[in-house]
Every structure is written in C-alpha cells, then in structure tokens.
Amino acid sequence: MATKADMAEIFQLEQGAFGTHCYPDFLFRQLLDLWPSYLLVAENEAALSQLPVGALLGYTLGGVGEAKSQGWVLSLAVTEQARGLGIGKALLQHLIGRLTEEGCQQLRLTVHPDNSAAGLYHALGFEHESTEPDYFGPNEPRQVLLHTV
C-alpha cells in the first residue's frame, strides 16, 4: 500500500503517463485517506538498472462505486525503466484481489483505444463493454472494459 511518503513520486509518474489527463496531486493524498487499500505501489527491492533500491516502479489506484458491488481501476502506471517486467500485471492482479475481497463483482476501467496496456487488461479478463468517443471531452475516446468476477 502507498504511504504519504510516496505521494510525490506517484504524482510524477501520473503526470508522465497521462499528461493533461492526470489526476491532481492533492487527489492522491485524499484517496489515500479514503481508500488506502486501493492505492498500491511497487518499489524497487533490488538494484534494477539505474533505479535505486526503494524507488517507485509503479502504482495502481482503484475505488468502489456507489453500488458496493462495482469497483473501478482508476489508474495504473509503471516507470519506463520497469516496463515489461510484469510489474503492471502484478499491481493490477493485487488490486483486483482487493476489490473482489471487498465484495466487488464487477470491475471497470477506461482505456484509450491506442493504449498498449489494453492487451494486459484483456489478458486479465477485462472485456470490451462500450466505447465513448468523447469520454474526457471532444475527440477523447475511451473504451470501457468490464471484468466480471
């Protein structure tokens, strides 16, 4: 789970991964208070390339909808140096486990149609539910993916 000490690194990774569509830094701090078990981090345990031990390698953020049986994967990002090592998959599997343990029977996420992470989501059981051409505004398409437990 993330800690307050992780907030700056999480936000830097969020900004790098999502640019203008990133969540603001203060939101991560508030979500740490609201859903601490759904803000997960992966840290470098061994000297991985140029990253020091303890460096943030990735994070994922989830949440529960108004209906407690519906969970969301809100964000997932891995540093460029750590991509391809299975960190995103491990984070997502851990988040799915936490959400389902809490009673979520359906999990959703949104992904840009060109995002290569869609392959990971499909491999972990997410299926295309719908496409919204203007999800974040004009010409900002997202696919809504659904995982049923």
N, C-alpha and C. Protein backbone atom coordinates (compact mmCIF):
# COMPACT_ATOMS: atom_id res chain seq x y z
N MET A 1 0.85 -1.19 0.00
CA MET A 1 0.00 0.00 0.00
C MET A 1 0.89 1.24 0.00
N ALA A 2 0.35 2.29 -0.55
CA ALA A 2 1.07 3.56 -0.61
C ALA A 2 1.09 4.21 0.77
N THR A 3 2.04 5.10 0.94
CA THR A 3 2.13 5.91 2.15
C THR A 3 2.21 7.38 1.74
N LYS A 4 2.12 8.25 2.73
CA LYS A 4 2.25 9.69 2.44
C LYS A 4 3.59 9.99 1.76
N ALA A 5 4.62 9.25 2.14
CA ALA A 5 5.94 9.48 1.56
C ALA A 5 5.99 9.16 0.06
N ASP A 6 5.04 8.39 -0.44
CA ASP A 6 5.01 8.02 -1.86
C ASP A 6 4.30 9.05 -2.75
N MET A 7 3.61 10.01 -2.15
CA MET A 7 2.73 10.89 -2.91
C MET A 7 3.43 11.64 -4.03
N ALA A 8 4.60 12.22 -3.78
CA ALA A 8 5.29 13.00 -4.81
C ALA A 8 5.68 12.11 -5.99
N GLU A 9 6.21 10.92 -5.70
CA GLU A 9 6.61 10.02 -6.79
C GLU A 9 5.42 9.51 -7.57
N ILE A 10 4.32 9.22 -6.88
CA ILE A 10 3.10 8.77 -7.56
C ILE A 10 2.62 9.86 -8.51
N PHE A 11 2.60 11.09 -8.04
CA PHE A 11 2.13 12.18 -8.89
C PHE A 11 3.05 12.39 -10.08
N GLN A 12 4.35 12.30 -9.88
CA GLN A 12 5.29 12.44 -11.01
C GLN A 12 5.04 11.36 -12.06
N LEU A 13 4.83 10.15 -11.60
CA LEU A 13 4.56 9.06 -12.53
C LEU A 13 3.23 9.28 -13.24
N GLU A 14 2.22 9.71 -12.51
CA GLU A 14 0.91 10.01 -13.09
C GLU A 14 1.03 11.07 -14.18
N GLN A 15 1.73 12.15 -13.88
CA GLN A 15 1.91 13.23 -14.86
C GLN A 15 2.61 12.72 -16.12
N GLY A 16 3.67 11.94 -15.91
CA GLY A 16 4.41 11.42 -17.05
C GLY A 16 3.60 10.48 -17.91
N ALA A 17 2.74 9.70 -17.27
CA ALA A 17 1.95 8.71 -18.00
C ALA A 17 0.72 9.31 -18.68
N PHE A 18 0.09 10.29 -18.03
CA PHE A 18 -1.22 10.74 -18.51
C PHE A 18 -1.29 12.21 -18.92
N GLY A 19 -0.21 12.94 -18.78
CA GLY A 19 -0.16 14.32 -19.25
C GLY A 19 -1.32 15.17 -18.75
N THR A 20 -2.02 15.78 -19.69
CA THR A 20 -3.10 16.70 -19.32
C THR A 20 -4.30 16.00 -18.68
N HIS A 21 -4.37 14.69 -18.80
CA HIS A 21 -5.49 13.95 -18.20
C HIS A 21 -5.11 13.31 -16.87
N CYS A 22 -4.05 13.80 -16.26
CA CYS A 22 -3.64 13.21 -14.99
C CYS A 22 -4.51 13.74 -13.85
N TYR A 23 -4.59 12.92 -12.82
CA TYR A 23 -5.27 13.35 -11.60
C TYR A 23 -4.39 14.37 -10.90
N PRO A 24 -4.98 15.35 -10.21
CA PRO A 24 -4.16 16.33 -9.48
C PRO A 24 -3.50 15.70 -8.25
N ASP A 25 -2.39 16.27 -7.86
CA ASP A 25 -1.61 15.70 -6.76
C ASP A 25 -2.41 15.59 -5.46
N PHE A 26 -3.23 16.58 -5.16
CA PHE A 26 -3.98 16.55 -3.90
C PHE A 26 -5.00 15.41 -3.88
N LEU A 27 -5.46 14.98 -5.05
CA LEU A 27 -6.45 13.90 -5.09
C LEU A 27 -5.84 12.60 -4.58
N PHE A 28 -4.60 12.33 -4.94
CA PHE A 28 -3.95 11.10 -4.45
C PHE A 28 -3.87 11.10 -2.93
N ARG A 29 -3.55 12.26 -2.37
CA ARG A 29 -3.47 12.34 -0.91
C ARG A 29 -4.83 12.08 -0.27
N GLN A 30 -5.89 12.64 -0.85
CA GLN A 30 -7.23 12.43 -0.31
C GLN A 30 -7.68 10.99 -0.50
N LEU A 31 -7.35 10.39 -1.63
CA LEU A 31 -7.73 9.00 -1.87
C LEU A 31 -6.96 8.04 -0.98
N LEU A 32 -5.77 8.44 -0.57
CA LEU A 32 -5.04 7.63 0.41
C LEU A 32 -5.82 7.56 1.71
N ASP A 33 -6.47 8.65 2.09
CA ASP A 33 -7.31 8.65 3.29
C ASP A 33 -8.61 7.87 3.08
N LEU A 34 -9.21 8.01 1.89
CA LEU A 34 -10.49 7.36 1.61
C LEU A 34 -10.36 5.86 1.36
N TRP A 35 -9.43 5.49 0.51
CA TRP A 35 -9.28 4.10 0.06
C TRP A 35 -7.83 3.65 0.17
N PRO A 36 -7.25 3.61 1.35
CA PRO A 36 -5.82 3.27 1.45
C PRO A 36 -5.48 1.89 0.89
N SER A 37 -6.39 0.95 0.96
CA SER A 37 -6.08 -0.39 0.46
C SER A 37 -6.22 -0.50 -1.05
N TYR A 38 -6.65 0.57 -1.71
CA TYR A 38 -6.79 0.56 -3.17
C TYR A 38 -5.77 1.45 -3.87
N LEU A 39 -4.82 1.99 -3.14
CA LEU A 39 -3.73 2.76 -3.73
C LEU A 39 -2.45 1.97 -3.43
N LEU A 40 -2.02 1.23 -4.43
CA LEU A 40 -0.93 0.27 -4.27
C LEU A 40 0.30 0.72 -5.04
N VAL A 41 1.46 0.43 -4.48
CA VAL A 41 2.71 0.79 -5.14
C VAL A 41 3.62 -0.42 -5.24
N ALA A 42 4.49 -0.37 -6.23
CA ALA A 42 5.57 -1.34 -6.36
C ALA A 42 6.87 -0.55 -6.25
N GLU A 43 7.73 -0.99 -5.35
CA GLU A 43 9.00 -0.32 -5.15
C GLU A 43 10.14 -1.25 -5.50
N ASN A 44 11.24 -0.68 -5.91
CA ASN A 44 12.41 -1.45 -6.31
C ASN A 44 13.04 -2.10 -5.08
N GLU A 45 13.05 -3.43 -5.08
CA GLU A 45 13.63 -4.16 -3.95
C GLU A 45 15.08 -4.54 -4.21
N ALA A 46 15.46 -4.59 -5.45
CA ALA A 46 16.85 -4.89 -5.82
C ALA A 46 17.30 -3.83 -6.82
N ALA A 47 18.55 -3.65 -6.96
CA ALA A 47 19.06 -2.61 -7.86
C ALA A 47 18.65 -2.92 -9.30
N LEU A 48 17.58 -2.34 -9.75
CA LEU A 48 17.06 -2.52 -11.10
C LEU A 48 17.60 -1.41 -11.99
N SER A 49 18.40 -1.73 -12.94
CA SER A 49 19.05 -0.79 -13.85
C SER A 49 19.55 0.43 -13.08
N GLN A 50 19.12 1.62 -13.48
CA GLN A 50 19.63 2.83 -12.85
C GLN A 50 18.76 3.30 -11.68
N LEU A 51 17.77 2.54 -11.29
CA LEU A 51 16.89 2.96 -10.21
C LEU A 51 17.44 2.50 -8.85
N PRO A 52 17.42 3.38 -7.87
CA PRO A 52 17.91 2.98 -6.54
C PRO A 52 16.91 2.07 -5.82
N VAL A 53 17.41 1.30 -4.88
CA VAL A 53 16.54 0.47 -4.06
C VAL A 53 15.54 1.38 -3.35
N GLY A 54 14.28 0.98 -3.36
CA GLY A 54 13.21 1.77 -2.75
C GLY A 54 12.52 2.72 -3.70
N ALA A 55 13.05 2.88 -4.91
CA ALA A 55 12.42 3.79 -5.88
C ALA A 55 11.07 3.24 -6.32
N LEU A 56 10.15 4.12 -6.57
CA LEU A 56 8.82 3.73 -7.05
C LEU A 56 8.92 3.21 -8.48
N LEU A 57 8.40 2.02 -8.72
CA LEU A 57 8.39 1.42 -10.06
C LEU A 57 7.03 1.56 -10.73
N GLY A 58 5.98 1.64 -9.93
CA GLY A 58 4.64 1.75 -10.48
C GLY A 58 3.61 1.88 -9.37
N TYR A 59 2.41 2.19 -9.78
CA TYR A 59 1.30 2.27 -8.82
C TYR A 59 0.01 1.93 -9.54
N THR A 60 -0.98 1.60 -8.76
CA THR A 60 -2.33 1.45 -9.29
C THR A 60 -3.30 2.03 -8.27
N LEU A 61 -4.40 2.52 -8.76
CA LEU A 61 -5.42 3.14 -7.94
C LEU A 61 -6.77 2.56 -8.32
N GLY A 62 -7.52 2.15 -7.33
CA GLY A 62 -8.86 1.63 -7.56
C GLY A 62 -9.84 2.31 -6.64
N GLY A 63 -11.10 2.02 -6.84
CA GLY A 63 -12.15 2.57 -5.99
C GLY A 63 -13.41 1.76 -6.12
N VAL A 64 -14.33 2.05 -5.23
CA VAL A 64 -15.62 1.36 -5.21
C VAL A 64 -16.69 2.36 -5.60
N GLY A 65 -17.63 1.90 -6.44
CA GLY A 65 -18.71 2.76 -6.89
C GLY A 65 -19.81 2.90 -5.86
N GLU A 66 -20.84 3.64 -6.21
CA GLU A 66 -21.98 3.83 -5.32
C GLU A 66 -22.58 2.49 -4.94
N ALA A 67 -22.69 1.61 -5.93
CA ALA A 67 -23.08 0.23 -5.65
C ALA A 67 -21.82 -0.49 -5.23
N LYS A 68 -21.77 -0.98 -4.01
CA LYS A 68 -20.54 -1.58 -3.46
C LYS A 68 -20.09 -2.81 -4.22
N SER A 69 -20.93 -3.33 -5.10
CA SER A 69 -20.54 -4.50 -5.89
C SER A 69 -19.78 -4.10 -7.16
N GLN A 70 -19.61 -2.78 -7.38
CA GLN A 70 -18.94 -2.32 -8.58
C GLN A 70 -17.67 -1.56 -8.22
N GLY A 71 -16.55 -2.08 -8.70
CA GLY A 71 -15.27 -1.44 -8.46
C GLY A 71 -14.70 -0.86 -9.74
N TRP A 72 -13.73 0.00 -9.57
CA TRP A 72 -13.07 0.66 -10.70
C TRP A 72 -11.56 0.59 -10.56
N VAL A 73 -10.90 0.37 -11.67
CA VAL A 73 -9.46 0.58 -11.77
C VAL A 73 -9.34 1.99 -12.35
N LEU A 74 -8.88 2.91 -11.53
CA LEU A 74 -8.84 4.31 -11.93
C LEU A 74 -7.54 4.72 -12.60
N SER A 75 -6.46 4.07 -12.23
CA SER A 75 -5.18 4.42 -12.81
C SER A 75 -4.18 3.29 -12.60
N LEU A 76 -3.29 3.15 -13.55
CA LEU A 76 -2.20 2.18 -13.47
C LEU A 76 -1.05 2.75 -14.29
N ALA A 77 0.11 2.85 -13.69
CA ALA A 77 1.28 3.36 -14.42
C ALA A 77 2.53 2.70 -13.87
N VAL A 78 3.47 2.46 -14.78
CA VAL A 78 4.76 1.86 -14.46
C VAL A 78 5.83 2.73 -15.09
N THR A 79 6.94 2.94 -14.38
CA THR A 79 8.03 3.74 -14.93
C THR A 79 8.57 3.09 -16.21
N GLU A 80 9.10 3.92 -17.08
CA GLU A 80 9.65 3.40 -18.34
C GLU A 80 10.72 2.34 -18.10
N GLN A 81 11.57 2.56 -17.09
CA GLN A 81 12.66 1.63 -16.82
C GLN A 81 12.15 0.27 -16.36
N ALA A 82 10.93 0.21 -15.82
CA ALA A 82 10.41 -1.04 -15.26
C ALA A 82 9.35 -1.71 -16.13
N ARG A 83 9.05 -1.13 -17.29
CA ARG A 83 8.05 -1.73 -18.16
C ARG A 83 8.56 -3.04 -18.74
N GLY A 84 7.63 -3.97 -18.91
CA GLY A 84 7.98 -5.27 -19.47
C GLY A 84 8.47 -6.28 -18.43
N LEU A 85 8.45 -5.89 -17.16
CA LEU A 85 8.92 -6.79 -16.10
C LEU A 85 7.78 -7.45 -15.33
N GLY A 86 6.54 -7.20 -15.75
CA GLY A 86 5.39 -7.79 -15.08
C GLY A 86 4.88 -7.01 -13.88
N ILE A 87 5.40 -5.82 -13.68
CA ILE A 87 5.01 -5.01 -12.52
C ILE A 87 3.57 -4.53 -12.66
N GLY A 88 3.19 -4.05 -13.83
CA GLY A 88 1.82 -3.61 -14.05
C GLY A 88 0.83 -4.74 -13.84
N LYS A 89 1.16 -5.90 -14.35
CA LYS A 89 0.30 -7.07 -14.19
C LYS A 89 0.15 -7.43 -12.72
N ALA A 90 1.26 -7.46 -11.99
CA ALA A 90 1.22 -7.81 -10.57
C ALA A 90 0.40 -6.79 -9.78
N LEU A 91 0.60 -5.51 -10.06
CA LEU A 91 -0.18 -4.48 -9.37
C LEU A 91 -1.67 -4.64 -9.65
N LEU A 92 -2.01 -4.85 -10.91
CA LEU A 92 -3.41 -4.98 -11.29
C LEU A 92 -4.03 -6.24 -10.67
N GLN A 93 -3.32 -7.34 -10.67
CA GLN A 93 -3.84 -8.55 -10.05
C GLN A 93 -4.08 -8.34 -8.55
N HIS A 94 -3.17 -7.64 -7.91
CA HIS A 94 -3.32 -7.37 -6.48
C HIS A 94 -4.55 -6.48 -6.22
N LEU A 95 -4.73 -5.47 -7.05
CA LEU A 95 -5.89 -4.58 -6.91
C LEU A 95 -7.18 -5.33 -7.17
N ILE A 96 -7.22 -6.15 -8.20
CA ILE A 96 -8.42 -6.96 -8.48
C ILE A 96 -8.75 -7.82 -7.27
N GLY A 97 -7.73 -8.44 -6.69
CA GLY A 97 -7.94 -9.26 -5.50
C GLY A 97 -8.53 -8.47 -4.34
N ARG A 98 -8.00 -7.30 -4.10
CA ARG A 98 -8.51 -6.47 -3.00
C ARG A 98 -9.96 -6.06 -3.24
N LEU A 99 -10.26 -5.63 -4.46
CA LEU A 99 -11.62 -5.18 -4.76
C LEU A 99 -12.61 -6.33 -4.65
N THR A 100 -12.23 -7.50 -5.14
CA THR A 100 -13.16 -8.63 -5.07
C THR A 100 -13.32 -9.13 -3.62
N GLU A 101 -12.26 -9.06 -2.84
CA GLU A 101 -12.36 -9.42 -1.42
C GLU A 101 -13.35 -8.52 -0.68
N GLU A 102 -13.46 -7.29 -1.15
CA GLU A 102 -14.38 -6.32 -0.54
C GLU A 102 -15.80 -6.45 -1.09
N GLY A 103 -16.02 -7.41 -1.99
CA GLY A 103 -17.37 -7.67 -2.48
C GLY A 103 -17.69 -7.14 -3.86
N CYS A 104 -16.70 -6.58 -4.55
CA CYS A 104 -16.95 -6.11 -5.91
C CYS A 104 -17.09 -7.32 -6.84
N GLN A 105 -18.19 -7.35 -7.57
CA GLN A 105 -18.44 -8.45 -8.51
C GLN A 105 -18.19 -8.04 -9.95
N GLN A 106 -18.17 -6.72 -10.18
CA GLN A 106 -17.86 -6.19 -11.50
C GLN A 106 -16.80 -5.11 -11.32
N LEU A 107 -15.81 -5.16 -12.19
CA LEU A 107 -14.76 -4.15 -12.19
C LEU A 107 -14.73 -3.50 -13.57
N ARG A 108 -14.56 -2.20 -13.58
CA ARG A 108 -14.48 -1.47 -14.84
C ARG A 108 -13.24 -0.61 -14.86
N LEU A 109 -12.83 -0.28 -16.07
CA LEU A 109 -11.77 0.70 -16.28
C LEU A 109 -11.98 1.32 -17.64
N THR A 110 -11.33 2.44 -17.86
CA THR A 110 -11.36 3.05 -19.18
C THR A 110 -9.93 3.10 -19.72
N VAL A 111 -9.83 2.96 -21.02
CA VAL A 111 -8.51 2.97 -21.67
C VAL A 111 -8.66 3.59 -23.05
N HIS A 112 -7.68 4.40 -23.43
CA HIS A 112 -7.66 4.96 -24.78
C HIS A 112 -7.51 3.81 -25.76
N PRO A 113 -8.22 3.85 -26.88
CA PRO A 113 -8.15 2.74 -27.84
C PRO A 113 -6.74 2.41 -28.32
N ASP A 114 -5.83 3.38 -28.31
CA ASP A 114 -4.46 3.15 -28.79
C ASP A 114 -3.49 2.76 -27.68
N ASN A 115 -3.96 2.66 -26.46
CA ASN A 115 -3.07 2.37 -25.33
C ASN A 115 -2.67 0.89 -25.36
N SER A 116 -1.38 0.64 -25.36
CA SER A 116 -0.89 -0.74 -25.41
C SER A 116 -1.24 -1.53 -24.15
N ALA A 117 -1.60 -0.87 -23.06
CA ALA A 117 -1.99 -1.56 -21.83
C ALA A 117 -3.29 -2.34 -22.01
N ALA A 118 -4.06 -2.04 -23.04
CA ALA A 118 -5.31 -2.76 -23.28
C ALA A 118 -5.05 -4.27 -23.38
N GLY A 119 -3.92 -4.66 -23.94
CA GLY A 119 -3.59 -6.08 -24.03
C GLY A 119 -3.47 -6.73 -22.66
N LEU A 120 -2.88 -6.02 -21.72
CA LEU A 120 -2.78 -6.52 -20.35
C LEU A 120 -4.16 -6.67 -19.74
N TYR A 121 -5.00 -5.68 -19.93
CA TYR A 121 -6.35 -5.74 -19.36
C TYR A 121 -7.14 -6.93 -19.91
N HIS A 122 -7.05 -7.13 -21.21
CA HIS A 122 -7.75 -8.26 -21.82
C HIS A 122 -7.19 -9.59 -21.31
N ALA A 123 -5.87 -9.67 -21.15
CA ALA A 123 -5.24 -10.90 -20.66
C ALA A 123 -5.69 -11.24 -19.24
N LEU A 124 -6.08 -10.22 -18.48
CA LEU A 124 -6.53 -10.44 -17.10
C LEU A 124 -8.06 -10.54 -16.99
N GLY A 125 -8.72 -10.70 -18.12
CA GLY A 125 -10.16 -10.97 -18.09
C GLY A 125 -11.08 -9.80 -18.32
N PHE A 126 -10.55 -8.63 -18.63
CA PHE A 126 -11.41 -7.49 -18.94
C PHE A 126 -11.88 -7.62 -20.39
N GLU A 127 -13.15 -7.33 -20.61
CA GLU A 127 -13.73 -7.40 -21.95
C GLU A 127 -14.34 -6.06 -22.32
N HIS A 128 -14.36 -5.78 -23.62
CA HIS A 128 -14.92 -4.53 -24.11
C HIS A 128 -16.41 -4.45 -23.76
N GLU A 129 -16.80 -3.39 -23.10
CA GLU A 129 -18.21 -3.18 -22.77
C GLU A 129 -18.81 -2.11 -23.68
N SER A 130 -18.07 -1.01 -23.89
CA SER A 130 -18.57 0.06 -24.74
C SER A 130 -17.41 0.97 -25.13
N THR A 131 -17.67 1.84 -26.11
CA THR A 131 -16.70 2.86 -26.49
C THR A 131 -17.42 4.20 -26.44
N GLU A 132 -16.78 5.16 -25.81
CA GLU A 132 -17.33 6.51 -25.74
C GLU A 132 -16.37 7.44 -26.48
N PRO A 133 -16.82 8.04 -27.59
CA PRO A 133 -15.92 8.84 -28.42
C PRO A 133 -15.44 10.14 -27.75
N ASP A 134 -16.18 10.64 -26.78
CA ASP A 134 -15.83 11.92 -26.15
C ASP A 134 -15.79 11.76 -24.62
N TYR A 135 -15.21 10.70 -24.13
CA TYR A 135 -15.24 10.39 -22.70
C TYR A 135 -14.72 11.54 -21.84
N PHE A 136 -13.57 12.10 -22.22
CA PHE A 136 -12.98 13.21 -21.48
C PHE A 136 -13.19 14.54 -22.18
N GLY A 137 -14.04 14.58 -23.17
CA GLY A 137 -14.29 15.79 -23.95
C GLY A 137 -14.16 15.46 -25.43
N PRO A 138 -14.34 16.45 -26.28
CA PRO A 138 -14.29 16.23 -27.73
C PRO A 138 -13.01 15.51 -28.17
N ASN A 139 -13.21 14.48 -28.96
CA ASN A 139 -12.11 13.70 -29.53
C ASN A 139 -11.20 13.06 -28.49
N GLU A 140 -11.76 12.69 -27.37
CA GLU A 140 -11.01 12.00 -26.31
C GLU A 140 -11.69 10.64 -26.04
N PRO A 141 -11.53 9.70 -26.99
CA PRO A 141 -12.23 8.41 -26.88
C PRO A 141 -11.65 7.53 -25.78
N ARG A 142 -12.50 6.74 -25.21
CA ARG A 142 -12.08 5.72 -24.24
C ARG A 142 -12.96 4.50 -24.43
N GLN A 143 -12.33 3.35 -24.28
CA GLN A 143 -13.07 2.10 -24.22
C GLN A 143 -13.36 1.82 -22.75
N VAL A 144 -14.56 1.38 -22.46
CA VAL A 144 -14.90 0.95 -21.12
C VAL A 144 -14.79 -0.57 -21.14
N LEU A 145 -13.94 -1.08 -20.25
CA LEU A 145 -13.73 -2.53 -20.16
C LEU A 145 -14.34 -3.04 -18.87
N LEU A 146 -14.87 -4.25 -18.92
CA LEU A 146 -15.56 -4.86 -17.80
C LEU A 146 -14.94 -6.20 -17.45
N HIS A 147 -14.75 -6.43 -16.18
CA HIS A 147 -14.28 -7.71 -15.65
C HIS A 147 -15.33 -8.18 -14.64
N THR A 148 -15.91 -9.34 -14.91
CA THR A 148 -16.91 -9.88 -14.01
C THR A 148 -16.30 -11.02 -13.20
N VAL A 149 -16.51 -10.95 -11.91
CA VAL A 149 -15.94 -11.96 -11.00
C VAL A 149 -16.88 -13.13 -10.88
